[in-house]
Amino acid sequence: IEGCPVNYSLSSDYTVGANAGTTHAIVVNLGSNPNYNVTTNSGTLTVVKANYVGITHPAVDGGVYNPNKTLADHALNANFSWVDSTITPTVGNAGYQVVYNADPTNYNDLFLSSVKVNLTKAPVVIGGSTTQTIDYTAGAPYTFNQQALTVSYNGTQLGGVFEFTGVSTYTVASTYQFTAVLSHQNYEGSVLCTFIIKSV
C-alpha cells in the first residue's frame, strides 16, 4: 500500500573500539507490518584498518658524521622506525624513509620519506706529501700534486680520490705556500703546503 512504511530496526553486537579484522552480525528486527509479507536477510559488519593522518617526525640531530654509524644508531621517536636501518647517513642528506605505527592491529603503516638526519662534517688530518719540489722548465705550468696528500679519520687513512681547494698552477720558479682545503661532503680539514719550483 503506497505510503505505508516497513517497520524494522537493526541491531548488532558491534561496539565502538572493536579491533580491525573482527566481524559482527547485523540483524534485522521486524516490527508490525500487517500490509506486507517481509523477508529479511542478516548481514555482517567487518572492521577494517584505519589510516593515520597528520603524523610527522622532526629532523634527527645526528651530531658529527661517523662512517661507522648507520641509521640504527640514530634514535627516532616512539613507534617510528627506519625502513632501512643499515644506511650510513651523510652530511646534507635529503632525508630517509621511516614507518610509523602505534597500533598495528587497527592501523595501516604510515610511511614518511624525508626524515632528515642533521650531521656536521667530521674533522680529518691531512698528511702525505705536503712539501713538493719540481725542477723548473721554461714555459711549463706546474701544479701541486694534490693526489699525493693523504686523508686520515680517527688515525686511519681513508681510501679514494680527494679534491682540495686552494691549489693553484704556477709558471715562475719560486717557493709557494698555500693552504689546501679538503672539498668533501662528509669530512673537513686543511693543511699548509709548500711547493718549490727550482731553477736549474
N, C-alpha and C. Protein backbone atom coordinates (compact mmCIF):
# COMPACT_ATOMS: atom_id res chain seq x y z
N ILE A 1 0.87 -1.18 0.00
CA ILE A 1 0.00 0.00 0.00
C ILE A 1 0.90 1.22 0.00
N GLU A 2 0.68 2.11 -0.94
CA GLU A 2 1.55 3.28 -1.07
C GLU A 2 1.52 4.12 0.20
N GLY A 3 2.73 4.51 0.63
CA GLY A 3 2.83 5.38 1.79
C GLY A 3 2.95 4.65 3.11
N CYS A 4 2.83 3.35 3.11
CA CYS A 4 2.95 2.60 4.36
C CYS A 4 4.39 2.11 4.52
N PRO A 5 5.09 2.56 5.52
CA PRO A 5 6.49 2.14 5.69
C PRO A 5 6.58 0.73 6.25
N VAL A 6 7.75 0.12 6.01
CA VAL A 6 8.05 -1.16 6.64
C VAL A 6 8.68 -0.86 7.99
N ASN A 7 8.12 -1.43 9.01
CA ASN A 7 8.62 -1.19 10.37
C ASN A 7 9.71 -2.21 10.71
N TYR A 8 10.90 -1.69 10.94
CA TYR A 8 12.00 -2.58 11.31
C TYR A 8 13.08 -1.77 12.04
N SER A 9 14.00 -2.49 12.64
CA SER A 9 15.17 -1.88 13.26
C SER A 9 16.36 -2.81 13.07
N LEU A 10 17.55 -2.24 13.18
CA LEU A 10 18.77 -3.03 13.04
C LEU A 10 19.48 -3.13 14.37
N SER A 11 20.11 -4.25 14.61
CA SER A 11 20.92 -4.41 15.82
C SER A 11 22.19 -5.17 15.47
N SER A 12 23.22 -4.95 16.26
CA SER A 12 24.49 -5.62 16.04
C SER A 12 25.25 -5.72 17.35
N ASP A 13 26.16 -6.69 17.42
CA ASP A 13 26.99 -6.80 18.61
C ASP A 13 28.25 -5.93 18.49
N TYR A 14 28.32 -5.14 17.41
CA TYR A 14 29.47 -4.23 17.24
C TYR A 14 29.43 -3.14 18.29
N THR A 15 30.60 -2.83 18.85
CA THR A 15 30.74 -1.70 19.76
C THR A 15 31.91 -0.85 19.30
N VAL A 16 31.83 0.44 19.55
CA VAL A 16 32.91 1.35 19.18
C VAL A 16 34.20 0.91 19.87
N GLY A 17 35.27 0.84 19.06
CA GLY A 17 36.55 0.38 19.61
C GLY A 17 36.87 -1.05 19.29
N ALA A 18 35.97 -1.73 18.59
CA ALA A 18 36.25 -3.11 18.20
C ALA A 18 37.46 -3.15 17.28
N ASN A 19 38.29 -4.16 17.42
CA ASN A 19 39.53 -4.23 16.64
C ASN A 19 39.27 -4.52 15.17
N ALA A 20 40.19 -4.02 14.35
CA ALA A 20 40.14 -4.32 12.92
C ALA A 20 40.27 -5.82 12.71
N GLY A 21 39.58 -6.32 11.70
CA GLY A 21 39.61 -7.75 11.40
C GLY A 21 38.49 -8.53 12.05
N THR A 22 37.77 -7.90 12.98
CA THR A 22 36.65 -8.59 13.62
C THR A 22 35.39 -8.41 12.78
N THR A 23 34.51 -9.42 12.84
CA THR A 23 33.26 -9.40 12.08
C THR A 23 32.09 -9.46 13.04
N HIS A 24 31.06 -8.66 12.76
CA HIS A 24 29.92 -8.53 13.66
C HIS A 24 28.62 -8.70 12.86
N ALA A 25 27.73 -9.49 13.43
CA ALA A 25 26.44 -9.75 12.77
C ALA A 25 25.55 -8.51 12.81
N ILE A 26 24.81 -8.30 11.71
CA ILE A 26 23.78 -7.26 11.64
C ILE A 26 22.43 -7.97 11.51
N VAL A 27 21.57 -7.72 12.45
CA VAL A 27 20.28 -8.42 12.49
C VAL A 27 19.16 -7.43 12.21
N VAL A 28 18.24 -7.84 11.33
CA VAL A 28 17.04 -7.04 11.04
C VAL A 28 15.92 -7.48 11.97
N ASN A 29 15.43 -6.55 12.78
CA ASN A 29 14.34 -6.84 13.71
C ASN A 29 13.05 -6.22 13.16
N LEU A 30 12.08 -7.07 12.82
CA LEU A 30 10.84 -6.56 12.22
C LEU A 30 9.85 -6.12 13.29
N GLY A 31 9.16 -5.03 12.97
CA GLY A 31 8.05 -4.58 13.79
C GLY A 31 6.74 -5.10 13.19
N SER A 32 5.65 -4.42 13.51
CA SER A 32 4.33 -4.82 12.98
C SER A 32 4.19 -4.32 11.55
N ASN A 33 3.97 -5.26 10.62
CA ASN A 33 3.81 -4.90 9.20
C ASN A 33 2.61 -5.66 8.63
N PRO A 34 1.37 -5.26 9.03
CA PRO A 34 0.18 -6.01 8.61
C PRO A 34 -0.07 -5.98 7.11
N ASN A 35 0.55 -5.06 6.40
CA ASN A 35 0.28 -4.92 4.98
C ASN A 35 1.32 -5.59 4.08
N TYR A 36 2.35 -6.17 4.71
CA TYR A 36 3.44 -6.74 3.90
C TYR A 36 3.82 -8.12 4.42
N ASN A 37 4.26 -8.95 3.52
CA ASN A 37 4.98 -10.16 3.88
C ASN A 37 6.46 -9.85 3.68
N VAL A 38 7.18 -9.73 4.77
CA VAL A 38 8.57 -9.26 4.72
C VAL A 38 9.53 -10.42 4.91
N THR A 39 10.49 -10.52 3.99
CA THR A 39 11.58 -11.48 4.12
C THR A 39 12.85 -10.71 4.47
N THR A 40 13.59 -11.14 5.44
CA THR A 40 14.80 -10.44 5.88
C THR A 40 16.03 -11.29 5.63
N ASN A 41 17.14 -10.63 5.44
CA ASN A 41 18.45 -11.26 5.33
C ASN A 41 19.39 -10.59 6.32
N SER A 42 20.06 -11.37 7.12
CA SER A 42 21.03 -10.82 8.05
C SER A 42 22.32 -10.47 7.30
N GLY A 43 23.06 -9.54 7.85
CA GLY A 43 24.31 -9.13 7.23
C GLY A 43 25.45 -9.16 8.23
N THR A 44 26.61 -8.74 7.78
CA THR A 44 27.77 -8.67 8.66
C THR A 44 28.49 -7.33 8.48
N LEU A 45 29.15 -6.93 9.53
CA LEU A 45 29.98 -5.72 9.51
C LEU A 45 31.41 -6.13 9.85
N THR A 46 32.34 -5.86 8.92
CA THR A 46 33.75 -6.18 9.16
C THR A 46 34.52 -4.88 9.40
N VAL A 47 35.25 -4.84 10.49
CA VAL A 47 36.04 -3.65 10.82
C VAL A 47 37.38 -3.73 10.09
N VAL A 48 37.71 -2.68 9.34
CA VAL A 48 38.97 -2.64 8.59
C VAL A 48 39.93 -1.63 9.24
N LYS A 49 41.21 -1.76 8.91
CA LYS A 49 42.21 -0.86 9.48
C LYS A 49 42.03 0.56 8.98
N ALA A 50 42.34 1.49 9.85
CA ALA A 50 42.27 2.92 9.51
C ALA A 50 43.63 3.42 9.06
N ASN A 51 43.64 4.60 8.44
CA ASN A 51 44.88 5.25 8.02
C ASN A 51 45.21 6.40 8.97
N TYR A 52 46.48 6.56 9.30
CA TYR A 52 46.90 7.70 10.11
C TYR A 52 46.86 8.98 9.28
N VAL A 53 46.55 10.07 9.94
CA VAL A 53 46.51 11.37 9.28
C VAL A 53 47.28 12.37 10.13
N GLY A 54 48.11 13.17 9.48
CA GLY A 54 48.78 14.28 10.17
C GLY A 54 49.95 13.89 11.04
N ILE A 55 50.50 12.70 10.85
CA ILE A 55 51.65 12.26 11.64
C ILE A 55 52.94 12.73 10.96
N THR A 56 53.82 13.37 11.71
CA THR A 56 55.11 13.84 11.18
C THR A 56 56.22 13.47 12.16
N HIS A 57 57.43 13.67 11.73
CA HIS A 57 58.59 13.44 12.60
C HIS A 57 59.62 14.54 12.32
N PRO A 58 60.17 15.14 13.36
CA PRO A 58 61.17 16.20 13.15
C PRO A 58 62.50 15.62 12.67
N ALA A 59 63.38 16.50 12.20
CA ALA A 59 64.72 16.07 11.83
C ALA A 59 65.45 15.53 13.07
N VAL A 60 66.34 14.59 12.83
CA VAL A 60 67.10 13.96 13.92
C VAL A 60 68.46 14.65 14.04
N ASP A 61 68.86 14.99 15.25
CA ASP A 61 70.18 15.57 15.49
C ASP A 61 71.19 14.44 15.57
N GLY A 62 71.98 14.29 14.51
CA GLY A 62 72.91 13.17 14.44
C GLY A 62 74.32 13.48 14.91
N GLY A 63 74.59 14.75 15.23
CA GLY A 63 75.92 15.11 15.69
C GLY A 63 76.93 15.15 14.56
N VAL A 64 78.11 14.60 14.80
CA VAL A 64 79.19 14.61 13.82
C VAL A 64 79.13 13.35 12.97
N TYR A 65 79.37 13.51 11.67
CA TYR A 65 79.37 12.37 10.76
C TYR A 65 80.35 11.30 11.24
N ASN A 66 79.89 10.05 11.16
CA ASN A 66 80.74 8.92 11.51
C ASN A 66 80.48 7.82 10.48
N PRO A 67 81.51 7.46 9.70
CA PRO A 67 81.29 6.46 8.65
C PRO A 67 80.94 5.08 9.19
N ASN A 68 81.13 4.89 10.49
CA ASN A 68 80.84 3.60 11.10
C ASN A 68 79.44 3.54 11.72
N LYS A 69 78.70 4.62 11.62
CA LYS A 69 77.35 4.65 12.19
C LYS A 69 76.31 4.57 11.08
N THR A 70 75.28 3.77 11.32
CA THR A 70 74.16 3.66 10.40
C THR A 70 72.94 4.33 11.01
N LEU A 71 71.85 4.30 10.27
CA LEU A 71 70.61 4.88 10.80
C LEU A 71 70.17 4.21 12.09
N ALA A 72 70.56 2.96 12.28
CA ALA A 72 70.20 2.24 13.50
C ALA A 72 70.78 2.92 14.74
N ASP A 73 71.84 3.70 14.57
CA ASP A 73 72.47 4.40 15.69
C ASP A 73 71.82 5.75 15.99
N HIS A 74 70.84 6.13 15.19
CA HIS A 74 70.16 7.41 15.37
C HIS A 74 68.70 7.16 15.75
N ALA A 75 68.37 7.42 17.00
CA ALA A 75 67.06 7.07 17.54
C ALA A 75 65.95 7.96 16.98
N LEU A 76 64.80 7.34 16.78
CA LEU A 76 63.58 8.04 16.38
C LEU A 76 62.62 8.10 17.55
N ASN A 77 61.57 8.89 17.40
CA ASN A 77 60.53 8.95 18.42
C ASN A 77 59.80 7.61 18.53
N ALA A 78 59.05 7.47 19.61
CA ALA A 78 58.33 6.22 19.85
C ALA A 78 57.42 5.86 18.68
N ASN A 79 57.42 4.58 18.34
CA ASN A 79 56.56 3.99 17.31
C ASN A 79 57.00 4.31 15.88
N PHE A 80 58.16 4.97 15.73
CA PHE A 80 58.76 5.18 14.42
C PHE A 80 59.95 4.23 14.28
N SER A 81 60.23 3.80 13.06
CA SER A 81 61.43 3.02 12.81
C SER A 81 61.91 3.31 11.39
N TRP A 82 63.23 3.16 11.18
CA TRP A 82 63.80 3.35 9.85
C TRP A 82 63.40 2.17 8.96
N VAL A 83 63.06 2.46 7.71
CA VAL A 83 62.73 1.38 6.78
C VAL A 83 63.97 0.55 6.47
N ASP A 84 65.12 1.22 6.28
CA ASP A 84 66.39 0.52 6.07
C ASP A 84 67.41 1.09 7.04
N SER A 85 67.57 0.45 8.17
CA SER A 85 68.43 0.98 9.23
C SER A 85 69.90 0.73 8.96
N THR A 86 70.24 0.06 7.85
CA THR A 86 71.64 -0.24 7.55
C THR A 86 72.32 0.90 6.77
N ILE A 87 71.56 1.90 6.37
CA ILE A 87 72.13 3.02 5.60
C ILE A 87 73.01 3.88 6.50
N THR A 88 74.15 4.31 5.96
CA THR A 88 75.00 5.28 6.66
C THR A 88 74.59 6.67 6.21
N PRO A 89 74.02 7.48 7.10
CA PRO A 89 73.56 8.82 6.69
C PRO A 89 74.74 9.74 6.39
N THR A 90 74.56 10.63 5.45
CA THR A 90 75.61 11.55 5.03
C THR A 90 75.25 12.99 5.39
N VAL A 91 76.26 13.84 5.39
CA VAL A 91 76.05 15.25 5.67
C VAL A 91 75.22 15.87 4.54
N GLY A 92 74.23 16.67 4.92
CA GLY A 92 73.38 17.33 3.92
C GLY A 92 72.37 16.41 3.27
N ASN A 93 72.06 15.28 3.92
CA ASN A 93 71.11 14.34 3.34
C ASN A 93 69.73 14.96 3.19
N ALA A 94 68.97 14.44 2.23
CA ALA A 94 67.61 14.92 1.97
C ALA A 94 66.57 14.21 2.82
N GLY A 95 67.00 13.23 3.59
CA GLY A 95 66.06 12.51 4.45
C GLY A 95 65.99 11.03 4.08
N TYR A 96 65.55 10.24 5.03
CA TYR A 96 65.46 8.79 4.84
C TYR A 96 64.06 8.32 5.25
N GLN A 97 63.64 7.22 4.66
CA GLN A 97 62.27 6.74 4.85
C GLN A 97 62.09 6.10 6.22
N VAL A 98 61.00 6.46 6.88
CA VAL A 98 60.64 5.84 8.15
C VAL A 98 59.21 5.34 8.07
N VAL A 99 58.86 4.44 8.99
CA VAL A 99 57.50 3.92 9.07
C VAL A 99 56.98 4.16 10.49
N TYR A 100 55.72 4.51 10.58
CA TYR A 100 55.08 4.76 11.88
C TYR A 100 53.88 3.85 12.05
N ASN A 101 53.77 3.26 13.24
CA ASN A 101 52.54 2.55 13.59
C ASN A 101 52.51 2.30 15.10
N ALA A 102 51.62 3.01 15.77
CA ALA A 102 51.47 2.84 17.22
C ALA A 102 50.47 1.74 17.56
N ASP A 103 49.67 1.31 16.57
CA ASP A 103 48.64 0.30 16.81
C ASP A 103 48.48 -0.54 15.55
N PRO A 104 49.41 -1.47 15.31
CA PRO A 104 49.38 -2.26 14.07
C PRO A 104 48.11 -3.08 13.90
N THR A 105 47.44 -3.38 14.99
CA THR A 105 46.20 -4.16 14.88
C THR A 105 45.13 -3.39 14.14
N ASN A 106 45.07 -2.10 14.37
CA ASN A 106 43.95 -1.31 13.86
C ASN A 106 44.31 -0.25 12.83
N TYR A 107 45.61 -0.04 12.59
CA TYR A 107 46.03 1.00 11.64
C TYR A 107 47.02 0.46 10.64
N ASN A 108 46.94 0.98 9.42
CA ASN A 108 47.92 0.66 8.40
C ASN A 108 49.22 1.41 8.69
N ASP A 109 50.33 0.82 8.26
CA ASP A 109 51.61 1.50 8.40
C ASP A 109 51.58 2.84 7.65
N LEU A 110 52.19 3.84 8.26
CA LEU A 110 52.34 5.14 7.61
C LEU A 110 53.80 5.32 7.27
N PHE A 111 54.10 5.55 5.99
CA PHE A 111 55.47 5.73 5.55
C PHE A 111 55.75 7.21 5.31
N LEU A 112 56.84 7.69 5.90
CA LEU A 112 57.31 9.05 5.67
C LEU A 112 58.65 8.95 4.96
N SER A 113 58.84 9.74 3.91
CA SER A 113 60.00 9.53 3.05
C SER A 113 61.12 10.53 3.25
N SER A 114 61.00 11.47 4.18
CA SER A 114 62.03 12.51 4.22
C SER A 114 62.35 12.98 5.64
N VAL A 115 62.66 12.05 6.52
CA VAL A 115 63.12 12.43 7.85
C VAL A 115 64.63 12.62 7.78
N LYS A 116 65.07 13.85 7.97
CA LYS A 116 66.49 14.17 7.82
C LYS A 116 67.28 13.82 9.08
N VAL A 117 68.54 13.52 8.87
CA VAL A 117 69.49 13.36 9.98
C VAL A 117 70.49 14.50 9.84
N ASN A 118 70.45 15.45 10.75
CA ASN A 118 71.34 16.61 10.69
C ASN A 118 72.72 16.22 11.21
N LEU A 119 73.70 16.35 10.34
CA LEU A 119 75.07 15.97 10.67
C LEU A 119 76.03 17.10 10.32
N THR A 120 77.11 17.20 11.08
CA THR A 120 78.19 18.12 10.73
C THR A 120 79.37 17.31 10.21
N LYS A 121 80.22 17.95 9.45
CA LYS A 121 81.36 17.25 8.87
C LYS A 121 82.33 16.79 9.96
N ALA A 122 82.94 15.64 9.72
CA ALA A 122 83.91 15.09 10.66
C ALA A 122 85.30 15.65 10.36
N PRO A 123 86.05 16.02 11.40
CA PRO A 123 87.40 16.53 11.17
C PRO A 123 88.36 15.40 10.78
N VAL A 124 89.25 15.71 9.86
CA VAL A 124 90.25 14.74 9.43
C VAL A 124 91.63 15.40 9.45
N VAL A 125 92.66 14.56 9.37
CA VAL A 125 94.04 15.04 9.33
C VAL A 125 94.57 14.86 7.91
N ILE A 126 95.09 15.95 7.35
CA ILE A 126 95.66 15.91 6.01
C ILE A 126 97.18 15.73 6.14
N GLY A 127 97.72 14.73 5.48
CA GLY A 127 99.16 14.47 5.53
C GLY A 127 99.68 14.12 4.17
N GLY A 128 100.71 13.28 4.16
CA GLY A 128 101.32 12.90 2.89
C GLY A 128 102.36 13.90 2.44
N SER A 129 102.45 14.10 1.14
CA SER A 129 103.48 14.98 0.57
C SER A 129 103.00 16.43 0.59
N THR A 130 103.12 17.04 1.75
CA THR A 130 102.70 18.44 1.88
C THR A 130 103.76 19.40 1.36
N THR A 131 104.97 18.94 1.22
CA THR A 131 106.03 19.72 0.60
C THR A 131 106.49 18.99 -0.66
N GLN A 132 106.42 19.68 -1.79
CA GLN A 132 106.78 19.07 -3.07
C GLN A 132 107.76 19.98 -3.80
N THR A 133 108.70 19.36 -4.50
CA THR A 133 109.73 20.09 -5.24
C THR A 133 109.77 19.59 -6.67
N ILE A 134 109.92 20.53 -7.60
CA ILE A 134 109.99 20.16 -9.01
C ILE A 134 110.99 21.09 -9.69
N ASP A 135 111.70 20.58 -10.69
CA ASP A 135 112.64 21.41 -11.44
C ASP A 135 111.91 22.25 -12.47
N TYR A 136 112.34 23.46 -12.59
CA TYR A 136 111.70 24.41 -13.50
C TYR A 136 112.15 24.19 -14.93
N THR A 137 111.18 24.22 -15.84
CA THR A 137 111.45 24.23 -17.28
C THR A 137 110.69 25.41 -17.87
N ALA A 138 111.38 26.23 -18.63
CA ALA A 138 110.77 27.46 -19.14
C ALA A 138 109.46 27.17 -19.87
N GLY A 139 108.43 27.94 -19.49
CA GLY A 139 107.15 27.88 -20.19
C GLY A 139 106.21 26.80 -19.71
N ALA A 140 106.68 25.88 -18.88
CA ALA A 140 105.80 24.79 -18.43
C ALA A 140 104.98 25.23 -17.22
N PRO A 141 103.68 24.96 -17.20
CA PRO A 141 102.89 25.23 -15.99
C PRO A 141 103.09 24.09 -14.98
N TYR A 142 103.07 24.45 -13.70
CA TYR A 142 103.28 23.46 -12.65
C TYR A 142 102.12 23.52 -11.66
N THR A 143 101.63 22.36 -11.33
CA THR A 143 100.52 22.27 -10.38
C THR A 143 100.90 21.31 -9.26
N PHE A 144 100.65 21.73 -8.04
CA PHE A 144 100.90 20.87 -6.87
C PHE A 144 100.08 19.60 -7.01
N ASN A 145 100.71 18.46 -6.76
CA ASN A 145 100.05 17.16 -6.90
C ASN A 145 99.20 16.88 -5.66
N GLN A 146 97.93 17.28 -5.70
CA GLN A 146 97.07 17.11 -4.54
C GLN A 146 96.74 15.65 -4.25
N GLN A 147 96.91 14.79 -5.25
CA GLN A 147 96.65 13.37 -5.01
C GLN A 147 97.74 12.73 -4.16
N ALA A 148 98.85 13.46 -3.94
CA ALA A 148 99.90 12.95 -3.07
C ALA A 148 99.61 13.24 -1.61
N LEU A 149 98.52 13.97 -1.35
CA LEU A 149 98.09 14.22 0.03
C LEU A 149 97.26 13.04 0.52
N THR A 150 97.32 12.79 1.81
CA THR A 150 96.53 11.71 2.41
C THR A 150 95.49 12.30 3.36
N VAL A 151 94.41 11.56 3.56
CA VAL A 151 93.33 11.98 4.45
C VAL A 151 93.11 10.87 5.46
N SER A 152 93.20 11.21 6.75
CA SER A 152 93.04 10.21 7.81
C SER A 152 91.91 10.60 8.76
N TYR A 153 91.09 9.62 9.08
CA TYR A 153 89.98 9.81 10.02
C TYR A 153 90.21 8.90 11.21
N ASN A 154 90.27 9.49 12.40
CA ASN A 154 90.50 8.73 13.63
C ASN A 154 91.72 7.81 13.52
N GLY A 155 92.78 8.33 12.90
CA GLY A 155 94.02 7.59 12.82
C GLY A 155 94.10 6.59 11.69
N THR A 156 93.04 6.47 10.89
CA THR A 156 93.04 5.52 9.78
C THR A 156 92.97 6.27 8.46
N GLN A 157 93.91 5.95 7.58
CA GLN A 157 93.93 6.62 6.28
C GLN A 157 92.75 6.15 5.43
N LEU A 158 92.07 7.11 4.84
CA LEU A 158 90.91 6.82 4.01
C LEU A 158 91.33 6.55 2.58
N GLY A 159 90.63 5.64 1.94
CA GLY A 159 90.88 5.38 0.54
C GLY A 159 90.07 6.32 -0.34
N GLY A 160 90.28 6.23 -1.63
CA GLY A 160 89.52 7.06 -2.56
C GLY A 160 90.31 8.26 -3.03
N VAL A 161 89.71 9.00 -3.93
CA VAL A 161 90.31 10.20 -4.51
C VAL A 161 89.71 11.42 -3.84
N PHE A 162 90.55 12.34 -3.37
CA PHE A 162 90.08 13.52 -2.69
C PHE A 162 90.50 14.77 -3.45
N GLU A 163 89.64 15.77 -3.40
CA GLU A 163 89.90 17.04 -4.06
C GLU A 163 90.10 18.12 -3.01
N PHE A 164 90.93 19.12 -3.39
CA PHE A 164 91.24 20.22 -2.48
C PHE A 164 91.08 21.54 -3.21
N THR A 165 90.67 22.55 -2.46
CA THR A 165 90.68 23.90 -2.98
C THR A 165 91.92 24.62 -2.46
N GLY A 166 92.27 25.73 -3.11
CA GLY A 166 93.45 26.49 -2.70
C GLY A 166 94.70 26.08 -3.43
N VAL A 167 94.61 25.04 -4.27
CA VAL A 167 95.76 24.56 -5.05
C VAL A 167 95.76 25.27 -6.39
N SER A 168 96.89 25.92 -6.73
CA SER A 168 96.95 26.71 -7.96
C SER A 168 98.01 26.16 -8.91
N THR A 169 98.01 26.73 -10.10
CA THR A 169 99.02 26.40 -11.12
C THR A 169 100.01 27.56 -11.21
N TYR A 170 101.29 27.24 -11.30
CA TYR A 170 102.34 28.26 -11.31
C TYR A 170 103.21 28.10 -12.55
N THR A 171 103.83 29.23 -12.98
CA THR A 171 104.71 29.21 -14.16
C THR A 171 106.08 29.81 -13.88
N VAL A 172 106.27 30.35 -12.69
CA VAL A 172 107.54 31.02 -12.35
C VAL A 172 108.24 30.23 -11.26
N ALA A 173 109.54 30.06 -11.42
CA ALA A 173 110.32 29.35 -10.41
C ALA A 173 110.33 30.14 -9.11
N SER A 174 109.89 29.51 -8.04
CA SER A 174 109.83 30.18 -6.74
C SER A 174 109.38 29.15 -5.71
N THR A 175 109.23 29.61 -4.47
CA THR A 175 108.68 28.78 -3.40
C THR A 175 107.31 29.34 -3.03
N TYR A 176 106.31 28.51 -3.07
CA TYR A 176 104.94 28.93 -2.81
C TYR A 176 104.39 28.19 -1.59
N GLN A 177 103.65 28.92 -0.80
CA GLN A 177 102.94 28.31 0.32
C GLN A 177 101.46 28.63 0.21
N PHE A 178 100.65 27.67 0.52
CA PHE A 178 99.20 27.84 0.43
C PHE A 178 98.54 26.83 1.35
N THR A 179 97.28 27.07 1.63
CA THR A 179 96.51 26.14 2.45
C THR A 179 95.60 25.32 1.55
N ALA A 180 95.81 24.02 1.55
CA ALA A 180 94.94 23.12 0.80
C ALA A 180 93.76 22.74 1.69
N VAL A 181 92.57 23.01 1.22
CA VAL A 181 91.35 22.76 2.00
C VAL A 181 90.59 21.61 1.36
N LEU A 182 90.31 20.60 2.14
CA LEU A 182 89.60 19.44 1.63
C LEU A 182 88.19 19.83 1.20
N SER A 183 87.81 19.36 0.01
CA SER A 183 86.46 19.58 -0.51
C SER A 183 85.75 18.23 -0.51
N HIS A 184 84.91 18.01 0.51
CA HIS A 184 84.28 16.70 0.65
C HIS A 184 82.93 16.85 1.37
N GLN A 185 81.99 15.99 1.02
CA GLN A 185 80.65 16.07 1.61
C GLN A 185 80.66 15.81 3.11
N ASN A 186 81.48 14.86 3.55
CA ASN A 186 81.37 14.39 4.94
C ASN A 186 82.55 14.74 5.84
N TYR A 187 83.66 15.18 5.25
CA TYR A 187 84.86 15.44 6.04
C TYR A 187 85.34 16.87 5.81
N GLU A 188 86.05 17.40 6.82
CA GLU A 188 86.65 18.72 6.68
C GLU A 188 88.05 18.71 7.27
N GLY A 189 88.92 19.47 6.63
CA GLY A 189 90.29 19.57 7.11
C GLY A 189 91.11 20.40 6.15
N SER A 190 92.24 20.87 6.60
CA SER A 190 93.14 21.66 5.75
C SER A 190 94.57 21.46 6.22
N VAL A 191 95.51 21.83 5.36
CA VAL A 191 96.92 21.68 5.69
C VAL A 191 97.72 22.74 4.93
N LEU A 192 98.77 23.23 5.56
CA LEU A 192 99.67 24.18 4.92
C LEU A 192 100.63 23.41 4.03
N CYS A 193 100.71 23.79 2.78
CA CYS A 193 101.56 23.11 1.81
C CYS A 193 102.64 24.05 1.28
N THR A 194 103.74 23.45 0.88
CA THR A 194 104.84 24.19 0.27
C THR A 194 105.15 23.57 -1.09
N PHE A 195 105.22 24.43 -2.09
CA PHE A 195 105.50 23.98 -3.48
C PHE A 195 106.74 24.73 -3.95
N ILE A 196 107.81 23.98 -4.18
CA ILE A 196 109.08 24.58 -4.58
C ILE A 196 109.33 24.27 -6.05
N ILE A 197 109.39 25.33 -6.85
CA ILE A 197 109.76 25.17 -8.28
C ILE A 197 111.19 25.67 -8.39
N LYS A 198 112.12 24.76 -8.60
CA LYS A 198 113.56 25.06 -8.56
C LYS A 198 114.06 25.51 -9.93
N SER A 199 114.89 26.55 -9.93
CA SER A 199 115.59 26.95 -11.14
C SER A 199 116.75 26.00 -11.37
N VAL A 200 116.93 25.61 -12.62
CA VAL A 200 118.03 24.71 -12.94
C VAL A 200 118.89 25.29 -14.05
